[in-house]
């Protein structure tokens, strides 16, 4: 959804498939200074594809990296693969790959 009311208010609402929440991007939504958001996370099913799509749109996205807590037993990279970028206002974002949901967080069909 996209809404605009003059030059002082513009918003794009993004709701991921099967999500219970939405993300709003825009102008006039908050009094927070541009660039004050950091480590905003976007969960994606394929981090490499999402990264390439952002780069194709002109974003400067860092390389994919993995970070795991000591003793992590999972062998896949679900929840552990990240890539960072900044939006035009300077807010810091992280892509996080989630391919296999943790117990209790699965989608119901």
N, C-alpha and C. Protein backbone atom coordinates (compact mmCIF):
# COMPACT_ATOMS: atom_id res chain seq x y z
N UNK A 1 0.84 -1.16 0.00
CA UNK A 1 0.00 0.00 0.00
C UNK A 1 0.89 1.24 0.00
N UNK A 2 0.49 2.24 -0.75
CA UNK A 2 1.23 3.50 -0.81
C UNK A 2 0.24 4.63 -0.60
N UNK A 3 0.58 5.58 0.28
CA UNK A 3 -0.27 6.72 0.56
C UNK A 3 0.58 7.98 0.56
N UNK A 4 0.02 9.06 0.06
CA UNK A 4 0.72 10.34 0.05
C UNK A 4 -0.29 11.45 0.32
N UNK A 5 0.14 12.41 1.16
CA UNK A 5 -0.65 13.62 1.41
C UNK A 5 0.28 14.82 1.32
N UNK A 6 0.51 15.27 0.13
CA UNK A 6 1.41 16.40 -0.07
C UNK A 6 2.86 16.00 0.08
N UNK A 7 3.70 17.01 0.29
CA UNK A 7 5.14 16.76 0.42
C UNK A 7 5.57 16.36 1.82
N UNK A 8 4.67 16.49 2.82
CA UNK A 8 5.05 16.23 4.21
C UNK A 8 4.72 14.83 4.70
N UNK A 9 3.93 14.08 3.94
CA UNK A 9 3.57 12.74 4.39
C UNK A 9 3.49 11.79 3.21
N UNK A 10 4.35 10.79 3.24
CA UNK A 10 4.34 9.71 2.24
C UNK A 10 4.67 8.42 2.97
N UNK A 11 3.97 7.35 2.65
CA UNK A 11 4.22 6.08 3.32
C UNK A 11 4.01 4.93 2.34
N UNK A 12 4.85 3.93 2.49
CA UNK A 12 4.69 2.65 1.81
C UNK A 12 4.60 1.60 2.90
N UNK A 13 3.55 0.79 2.84
CA UNK A 13 3.37 -0.28 3.83
C UNK A 13 3.69 -1.60 3.14
N UNK A 14 4.58 -2.37 3.75
CA UNK A 14 4.97 -3.67 3.23
C UNK A 14 4.58 -4.73 4.24
N UNK A 15 3.81 -5.72 3.81
CA UNK A 15 3.43 -6.84 4.67
C UNK A 15 3.94 -8.12 4.02
N UNK A 16 4.93 -8.77 4.63
CA UNK A 16 5.44 -10.02 4.07
C UNK A 16 4.35 -11.09 4.00
N UNK A 17 4.45 -12.01 3.05
CA UNK A 17 3.46 -13.08 2.94
C UNK A 17 3.25 -13.82 4.26
N UNK A 18 2.01 -14.06 4.63
CA UNK A 18 1.59 -14.78 5.83
C UNK A 18 2.07 -14.12 7.13
N UNK A 19 2.42 -12.86 7.07
CA UNK A 19 2.90 -12.16 8.26
C UNK A 19 1.76 -11.55 9.05
N UNK A 20 1.96 -11.46 10.35
CA UNK A 20 1.02 -10.81 11.24
C UNK A 20 1.38 -9.34 11.45
N UNK A 21 2.46 -8.89 10.81
CA UNK A 21 2.88 -7.49 11.00
C UNK A 21 3.28 -6.87 9.68
N UNK A 22 3.37 -5.56 9.68
CA UNK A 22 3.77 -4.81 8.49
C UNK A 22 4.92 -3.88 8.84
N UNK A 23 5.61 -3.45 7.81
CA UNK A 23 6.70 -2.48 7.95
C UNK A 23 6.27 -1.24 7.19
N UNK A 24 6.44 -0.08 7.81
CA UNK A 24 6.11 1.19 7.14
C UNK A 24 7.39 1.94 6.85
N UNK A 25 7.51 2.41 5.64
CA UNK A 25 8.62 3.26 5.22
C UNK A 25 8.00 4.57 4.77
N UNK A 26 8.66 5.68 5.04
CA UNK A 26 8.11 6.91 4.52
C UNK A 26 8.62 8.17 5.17
N UNK A 27 7.92 9.23 4.88
CA UNK A 27 8.25 10.57 5.36
C UNK A 27 7.08 11.07 6.20
N UNK A 28 7.37 11.64 7.36
CA UNK A 28 6.33 12.17 8.22
C UNK A 28 5.72 11.14 9.15
N UNK A 29 6.37 9.99 9.29
CA UNK A 29 5.85 8.91 10.15
C UNK A 29 6.33 9.02 11.58
N UNK A 30 7.49 9.62 11.79
CA UNK A 30 8.11 9.65 13.10
C UNK A 30 8.90 10.94 13.26
N UNK A 31 9.20 11.28 14.49
CA UNK A 31 10.04 12.45 14.74
C UNK A 31 11.51 12.06 14.85
N UNK A 32 11.81 10.76 14.71
CA UNK A 32 13.20 10.31 14.77
C UNK A 32 13.99 10.93 13.62
N UNK A 33 15.22 11.28 13.91
CA UNK A 33 16.08 11.88 12.89
C UNK A 33 16.44 10.85 11.82
N UNK A 34 16.49 11.26 10.54
CA UNK A 34 16.94 10.34 9.50
C UNK A 34 18.31 9.76 9.86
N UNK A 35 18.47 8.48 9.67
CA UNK A 35 19.74 7.82 9.97
C UNK A 35 19.87 7.34 11.39
N UNK A 36 18.85 7.54 12.23
CA UNK A 36 18.97 7.14 13.63
C UNK A 36 18.59 5.68 13.87
N UNK A 37 18.00 5.02 12.87
CA UNK A 37 17.68 3.60 13.01
C UNK A 37 18.89 2.75 12.69
N UNK A 38 19.15 1.74 13.52
CA UNK A 38 20.30 0.87 13.30
C UNK A 38 19.93 -0.56 13.64
N UNK A 39 20.43 -1.49 12.86
CA UNK A 39 20.18 -2.93 13.03
C UNK A 39 18.70 -3.27 12.90
N UNK A 40 18.05 -2.64 11.94
CA UNK A 40 16.68 -3.00 11.59
C UNK A 40 16.78 -4.28 10.76
N UNK A 41 16.03 -5.30 11.12
CA UNK A 41 16.21 -6.62 10.50
C UNK A 41 15.09 -6.93 9.53
N UNK A 42 15.46 -7.37 8.35
CA UNK A 42 14.54 -7.89 7.36
C UNK A 42 14.84 -9.37 7.19
N UNK A 43 13.92 -10.23 7.61
CA UNK A 43 14.10 -11.67 7.46
C UNK A 43 13.71 -12.08 6.04
N UNK A 44 14.58 -12.85 5.40
CA UNK A 44 14.34 -13.28 4.02
C UNK A 44 14.60 -14.79 3.91
N UNK A 45 13.97 -15.41 2.95
CA UNK A 45 14.14 -16.85 2.74
C UNK A 45 15.38 -17.20 1.94
N UNK A 46 15.89 -16.26 1.15
CA UNK A 46 17.08 -16.50 0.33
C UNK A 46 17.91 -15.22 0.36
N UNK A 47 18.90 -15.19 1.23
CA UNK A 47 19.69 -13.97 1.44
C UNK A 47 20.50 -13.59 0.20
N UNK A 48 20.99 -14.59 -0.52
CA UNK A 48 21.79 -14.28 -1.71
C UNK A 48 20.94 -13.60 -2.77
N UNK A 49 19.72 -14.10 -2.98
CA UNK A 49 18.81 -13.50 -3.95
C UNK A 49 18.37 -12.11 -3.51
N UNK A 50 18.04 -11.94 -2.23
CA UNK A 50 17.62 -10.63 -1.72
C UNK A 50 18.76 -9.62 -1.85
N UNK A 51 19.97 -10.06 -1.55
CA UNK A 51 21.14 -9.19 -1.65
C UNK A 51 21.34 -8.74 -3.10
N UNK A 52 21.27 -9.68 -4.03
CA UNK A 52 21.45 -9.34 -5.44
C UNK A 52 20.35 -8.39 -5.94
N UNK A 53 19.13 -8.60 -5.47
CA UNK A 53 18.03 -7.71 -5.88
C UNK A 53 18.27 -6.29 -5.37
N UNK A 54 18.72 -6.15 -4.12
CA UNK A 54 19.02 -4.83 -3.58
C UNK A 54 20.18 -4.17 -4.33
N UNK A 55 21.21 -4.94 -4.61
CA UNK A 55 22.35 -4.41 -5.36
C UNK A 55 21.89 -3.97 -6.75
N UNK A 56 21.03 -4.76 -7.37
CA UNK A 56 20.48 -4.41 -8.69
C UNK A 56 19.69 -3.11 -8.67
N UNK A 57 19.14 -2.78 -7.49
CA UNK A 57 18.40 -1.53 -7.33
C UNK A 57 19.29 -0.37 -6.90
N UNK A 58 20.60 -0.61 -6.80
CA UNK A 58 21.53 0.47 -6.47
C UNK A 58 22.00 0.52 -5.03
N UNK A 59 21.57 -0.42 -4.18
CA UNK A 59 22.02 -0.41 -2.78
C UNK A 59 23.43 -0.98 -2.67
N UNK A 60 24.18 -0.47 -1.72
CA UNK A 60 25.52 -0.96 -1.43
C UNK A 60 25.40 -1.96 -0.28
N UNK A 61 25.26 -3.24 -0.61
CA UNK A 61 25.04 -4.28 0.38
C UNK A 61 26.35 -5.03 0.61
N UNK A 62 26.70 -5.21 1.89
CA UNK A 62 27.91 -5.94 2.24
C UNK A 62 27.80 -7.41 1.89
N UNK A 63 28.92 -8.10 2.01
CA UNK A 63 28.97 -9.55 1.76
C UNK A 63 28.15 -10.28 2.82
N UNK A 64 27.65 -11.46 2.46
CA UNK A 64 26.94 -12.32 3.41
C UNK A 64 27.96 -12.88 4.39
N UNK A 65 27.63 -12.83 5.67
CA UNK A 65 28.49 -13.41 6.70
C UNK A 65 27.63 -14.21 7.67
N UNK A 66 28.27 -15.14 8.37
CA UNK A 66 27.57 -15.95 9.36
C UNK A 66 28.11 -15.63 10.75
N UNK A 67 27.21 -15.61 11.69
CA UNK A 67 27.60 -15.44 13.09
C UNK A 67 26.77 -16.41 13.92
N UNK A 68 27.46 -17.18 14.75
CA UNK A 68 26.81 -18.20 15.57
C UNK A 68 27.29 -18.09 17.01
N UNK A 69 26.37 -18.36 17.91
CA UNK A 69 26.75 -18.41 19.32
C UNK A 69 27.57 -19.69 19.55
N UNK A 70 28.52 -19.65 20.47
CA UNK A 70 29.29 -20.87 20.76
C UNK A 70 28.36 -22.02 21.14
N UNK A 71 28.66 -23.21 20.63
CA UNK A 71 27.87 -24.39 20.95
C UNK A 71 26.63 -24.57 20.12
N UNK A 72 26.45 -23.73 19.09
CA UNK A 72 25.27 -23.87 18.23
C UNK A 72 25.36 -25.19 17.49
N UNK A 73 24.28 -25.96 17.56
CA UNK A 73 24.29 -27.30 16.97
C UNK A 73 23.77 -27.34 15.54
N UNK A 74 23.03 -26.35 15.11
CA UNK A 74 22.45 -26.39 13.76
C UNK A 74 23.55 -26.34 12.71
N UNK A 75 23.40 -27.11 11.65
CA UNK A 75 24.41 -27.12 10.59
C UNK A 75 24.05 -26.18 9.43
N UNK A 76 22.77 -25.81 9.29
CA UNK A 76 22.40 -24.90 8.21
C UNK A 76 22.66 -23.45 8.63
N UNK A 77 22.45 -22.52 7.73
CA UNK A 77 22.73 -21.12 8.09
C UNK A 77 21.47 -20.33 8.42
N UNK A 78 20.32 -21.02 8.52
CA UNK A 78 19.09 -20.35 8.89
C UNK A 78 19.25 -19.68 10.25
N UNK A 79 18.93 -18.41 10.32
CA UNK A 79 19.06 -17.53 11.49
C UNK A 79 20.49 -17.02 11.69
N UNK A 80 21.48 -17.53 10.98
CA UNK A 80 22.88 -17.16 11.24
C UNK A 80 23.54 -16.38 10.10
N UNK A 81 22.88 -16.26 8.95
CA UNK A 81 23.47 -15.56 7.81
C UNK A 81 22.90 -14.14 7.73
N UNK A 82 23.80 -13.17 7.57
CA UNK A 82 23.43 -11.76 7.56
C UNK A 82 24.15 -11.02 6.43
N UNK A 83 23.58 -9.90 6.01
CA UNK A 83 24.23 -8.94 5.12
C UNK A 83 23.70 -7.57 5.51
N UNK A 84 24.55 -6.57 5.53
CA UNK A 84 24.12 -5.24 5.99
C UNK A 84 24.15 -4.22 4.86
N UNK A 85 23.31 -3.20 5.03
CA UNK A 85 23.27 -2.07 4.10
C UNK A 85 22.63 -0.88 4.80
N UNK A 86 22.78 0.28 4.19
CA UNK A 86 22.14 1.50 4.70
C UNK A 86 21.16 2.00 3.65
N UNK A 87 20.03 2.54 4.12
CA UNK A 87 19.06 3.13 3.19
C UNK A 87 19.50 4.56 2.87
N UNK A 88 18.79 5.24 1.96
CA UNK A 88 19.21 6.59 1.58
C UNK A 88 19.26 7.59 2.74
N UNK A 89 18.51 7.35 3.82
CA UNK A 89 18.56 8.23 4.99
C UNK A 89 19.69 7.89 5.94
N UNK A 90 20.40 6.79 5.70
CA UNK A 90 21.51 6.39 6.56
C UNK A 90 21.13 5.40 7.65
N UNK A 91 19.89 4.90 7.65
CA UNK A 91 19.50 3.89 8.63
C UNK A 91 20.19 2.57 8.29
N UNK A 92 20.62 1.84 9.33
CA UNK A 92 21.32 0.58 9.13
C UNK A 92 20.38 -0.61 9.15
N UNK A 93 20.46 -1.46 8.13
CA UNK A 93 19.60 -2.63 7.98
C UNK A 93 20.42 -3.90 7.93
N UNK A 94 19.83 -4.99 8.41
CA UNK A 94 20.43 -6.31 8.27
C UNK A 94 19.44 -7.22 7.57
N UNK A 95 19.88 -7.89 6.52
CA UNK A 95 19.13 -9.01 5.97
C UNK A 95 19.49 -10.21 6.84
N UNK A 96 18.52 -11.00 7.22
CA UNK A 96 18.77 -12.22 7.99
C UNK A 96 18.06 -13.36 7.26
N UNK A 97 18.81 -14.41 6.94
CA UNK A 97 18.20 -15.54 6.25
C UNK A 97 17.54 -16.48 7.25
N UNK A 98 16.26 -16.78 7.00
CA UNK A 98 15.53 -17.76 7.80
C UNK A 98 14.86 -18.71 6.82
N UNK A 99 15.38 -19.92 6.74
CA UNK A 99 14.84 -20.92 5.83
C UNK A 99 14.09 -22.01 6.59
N UNK A 100 14.52 -22.31 7.79
CA UNK A 100 13.87 -23.32 8.63
C UNK A 100 13.55 -22.64 9.95
N UNK A 101 12.26 -22.49 10.24
CA UNK A 101 11.85 -21.77 11.43
C UNK A 101 12.12 -22.61 12.67
N UNK A 102 12.43 -21.95 13.76
CA UNK A 102 12.66 -22.61 15.04
C UNK A 102 11.36 -23.22 15.55
N UNK A 103 11.45 -24.28 16.37
CA UNK A 103 10.23 -24.89 16.91
C UNK A 103 9.33 -23.84 17.58
N UNK A 104 8.05 -23.95 17.28
CA UNK A 104 7.08 -22.99 17.81
C UNK A 104 6.90 -21.75 16.96
N UNK A 105 7.74 -21.59 15.94
CA UNK A 105 7.66 -20.42 15.05
C UNK A 105 7.30 -20.80 13.63
N UNK A 106 6.89 -22.05 13.42
CA UNK A 106 6.56 -22.51 12.08
C UNK A 106 5.27 -21.85 11.60
N UNK A 107 5.15 -21.72 10.28
CA UNK A 107 3.91 -21.25 9.67
C UNK A 107 2.95 -22.40 9.62
N UNK A 108 1.70 -22.14 9.95
CA UNK A 108 0.67 -23.16 9.81
C UNK A 108 0.11 -23.10 8.40
N UNK A 109 -0.04 -24.27 7.77
CA UNK A 109 -0.59 -24.32 6.41
C UNK A 109 -2.10 -24.38 6.46
